Amino acid sequence: MTGIVILALAALAAAGFGLYRHHVDGRFVPHADATPTAWDQVAAATPSARAGERATLVQFSSAFCAPCRTTRVVLADVAAQEYGVRHVEIDAEQHLGLVRALDVRRTPTTLVLDAAGHEVLRAAGAPQKHQVLAAIAHSAGAPR
């Protein structure tokens, strides 16, 4: 009796697999040429944001995060002093899809994007000014 049950389950699985293959074989499905850059994802979530010519500092913050305020001041200061660098602050609570897509695990998190919008470096926690400047220098010289 057990053999008959096993044989019936195997036949059912084979029939299901055959139907699946009949359904999907030869069908055209949309395919993206390349995965979206970090900037593409940020721009889609925050259409008013603008990228920097040299680098973009993307900061993920939350309302009750004290280190986020410090990070905001440091990144805004660096962006104001450095040519072609922009600072974009994103409220993590309001953009959970973007947080998940970019794998942000805590606030503040700062992404350093190069001119093409690719993530070059990432910092979790409040970075110091000299660290941000070094990250920008690294992103400007990063090969793509």
Protein backbone atom coordinates (compact mmCIF):
# COMPACT_ATOMS: atom_id res chain seq x y z
CA MET A 1 0.00 0.00 0.00
CA THR A 2 2.84 2.42 0.86
CA GLY A 3 4.42 1.82 -2.55
CA ILE A 4 1.20 2.82 -4.33
CA VAL A 5 0.99 6.08 -2.33
CA ILE A 6 4.61 6.93 -3.13
CA LEU A 7 4.05 6.14 -6.83
CA ALA A 8 0.93 8.35 -6.90
CA LEU A 9 2.78 11.24 -5.23
CA ALA A 10 5.67 10.93 -7.69
CA ALA A 11 3.25 10.90 -10.65
CA LEU A 12 1.44 13.94 -9.25
CA ALA A 13 4.74 15.82 -8.75
CA ALA A 14 5.86 14.96 -12.30
CA ALA A 15 2.53 16.12 -13.75
CA GLY A 16 2.74 19.39 -11.76
CA PHE A 17 6.29 20.02 -12.96
CA GLY A 18 5.24 19.33 -16.56
CA LEU A 19 2.35 21.78 -16.33
CA TYR A 20 4.65 24.42 -14.82
CA ARG A 21 7.21 23.98 -17.62
CA HIS A 22 4.45 24.13 -20.26
CA HIS A 23 3.27 27.41 -18.73
CA VAL A 24 6.68 29.17 -18.48
CA ASP A 25 8.71 27.83 -21.40
CA GLY A 26 9.10 30.33 -24.20
CA ARG A 27 7.40 33.23 -22.38
CA PHE A 28 8.97 36.66 -22.47
CA VAL A 29 9.20 38.43 -19.12
CA PRO A 30 10.42 41.96 -18.37
CA HIS A 31 14.08 42.09 -17.49
CA ALA A 32 16.08 45.08 -16.31
CA ASP A 33 19.41 45.65 -18.03
CA ALA A 34 21.19 46.42 -14.77
CA THR A 35 20.32 46.56 -11.13
CA PRO A 36 19.37 50.04 -9.98
CA THR A 37 22.07 52.07 -8.30
CA ALA A 38 21.61 53.26 -4.75
CA TRP A 39 20.90 56.75 -6.12
CA ASP A 40 18.19 55.39 -8.45
CA GLN A 41 16.45 53.91 -5.41
CA VAL A 42 16.87 57.10 -3.35
CA ALA A 43 15.60 59.28 -6.19
CA ALA A 44 12.57 57.04 -6.68
CA ALA A 45 11.68 57.31 -2.99
CA THR A 46 12.45 61.03 -2.66
CA PRO A 47 11.87 62.73 -6.02
CA SER A 48 12.86 66.19 -4.73
CA ALA A 49 16.38 65.02 -3.80
CA ARG A 50 19.27 66.04 -6.04
CA ALA A 51 22.55 64.17 -6.47
CA GLY A 52 25.95 65.82 -6.16
CA GLU A 53 28.29 66.14 -9.12
CA ARG A 54 31.19 64.53 -7.25
CA ALA A 55 29.50 62.71 -4.39
CA THR A 56 26.20 62.43 -2.54
CA LEU A 57 25.95 61.89 1.22
CA VAL A 58 22.71 60.04 1.95
CA GLN A 59 21.81 60.08 5.65
CA PHE A 60 19.12 57.84 7.13
CA SER A 61 17.71 59.35 10.33
CA SER A 62 14.84 58.90 12.74
CA ALA A 63 12.93 61.42 14.85
CA PHE A 64 14.27 60.54 18.30
CA CYS A 65 17.87 59.83 17.30
CA ALA A 66 20.32 62.19 19.03
CA PRO A 67 23.36 61.13 16.94
CA CYS A 68 21.29 61.87 13.82
CA ARG A 69 21.25 65.57 14.68
CA THR A 70 25.05 65.59 15.04
CA THR A 71 25.42 63.71 11.76
CA ARG A 72 23.10 66.17 10.00
CA VAL A 73 25.27 69.11 11.10
CA VAL A 74 28.52 67.43 10.06
CA LEU A 75 27.25 66.28 6.66
CA ALA A 76 25.58 69.60 5.86
CA ASP A 77 28.80 71.42 6.79
CA VAL A 78 30.90 69.17 4.55
CA ALA A 79 28.43 69.50 1.67
CA ALA A 80 28.51 73.29 2.00
CA GLN A 81 32.32 73.37 1.95
CA GLU A 82 33.05 70.78 -0.71
CA TYR A 83 32.39 71.48 -4.39
CA GLY A 84 29.98 69.05 -6.05
CA VAL A 85 28.90 67.33 -2.83
CA ARG A 86 25.26 67.18 -1.71
CA HIS A 87 23.70 66.00 1.51
CA VAL A 88 20.33 64.21 1.39
CA GLU A 89 18.61 63.30 4.65
CA ILE A 90 15.94 60.60 4.61
CA ASP A 91 13.52 59.83 7.43
CA ALA A 92 13.91 56.07 7.85
CA GLU A 93 10.46 55.69 9.38
CA GLN A 94 8.78 57.33 6.38
CA HIS A 95 10.74 55.30 3.79
CA LEU A 96 10.77 51.74 5.12
CA GLY A 97 10.85 50.23 1.63
CA LEU A 98 14.03 52.12 0.82
CA VAL A 99 15.52 51.19 4.19
CA ARG A 100 14.91 47.52 3.43
CA ALA A 101 16.14 47.78 -0.17
CA LEU A 102 19.41 49.39 0.90
CA ASP A 103 19.76 47.18 4.00
CA VAL A 104 19.94 50.06 6.49
CA ARG A 105 19.94 48.55 9.97
CA ARG A 106 20.27 51.52 12.30
CA THR A 107 20.18 55.28 12.42
CA PRO A 108 22.12 57.26 11.63
CA THR A 109 23.48 55.46 8.61
CA THR A 110 25.36 57.46 5.98
CA LEU A 111 25.89 56.22 2.44
CA VAL A 112 28.58 57.84 0.31
CA LEU A 113 27.60 57.65 -3.34
CA ASP A 114 29.97 58.42 -6.19
CA ALA A 115 29.12 60.65 -9.15
CA ALA A 116 27.41 57.73 -10.92
CA GLY A 117 25.18 57.02 -7.91
CA HIS A 118 26.87 53.82 -6.76
CA GLU A 119 27.36 53.24 -3.06
CA VAL A 120 31.07 53.42 -2.34
CA LEU A 121 31.16 53.54 1.45
CA ARG A 122 28.74 53.26 4.35
CA ALA A 123 28.93 54.35 7.97
CA ALA A 124 26.62 53.28 10.78
CA GLY A 125 26.68 55.80 13.60
CA ALA A 126 27.77 59.44 13.67
CA PRO A 127 30.89 60.01 11.56
CA GLN A 128 33.38 62.76 12.31
CA LYS A 129 34.15 65.47 9.77
CA HIS A 130 37.60 64.12 8.87
CA GLN A 131 36.07 60.70 8.23
CA VAL A 132 33.47 62.19 5.87
CA LEU A 133 36.15 64.15 3.98
CA ALA A 134 38.25 61.00 3.59
CA ALA A 135 35.19 59.10 2.36
CA ILE A 136 34.50 61.76 -0.27
CA ALA A 137 38.11 61.63 -1.43
CA HIS A 138 37.81 57.86 -1.65
CA SER A 139 34.56 58.03 -3.63
CA ALA A 140 36.03 60.54 -6.09
CA GLY A 141 38.93 58.18 -6.81
CA ALA A 142 36.90 54.95 -6.78
CA PRO A 143 37.05 53.10 -10.11
CA ARG A 144 33.79 52.10 -11.80
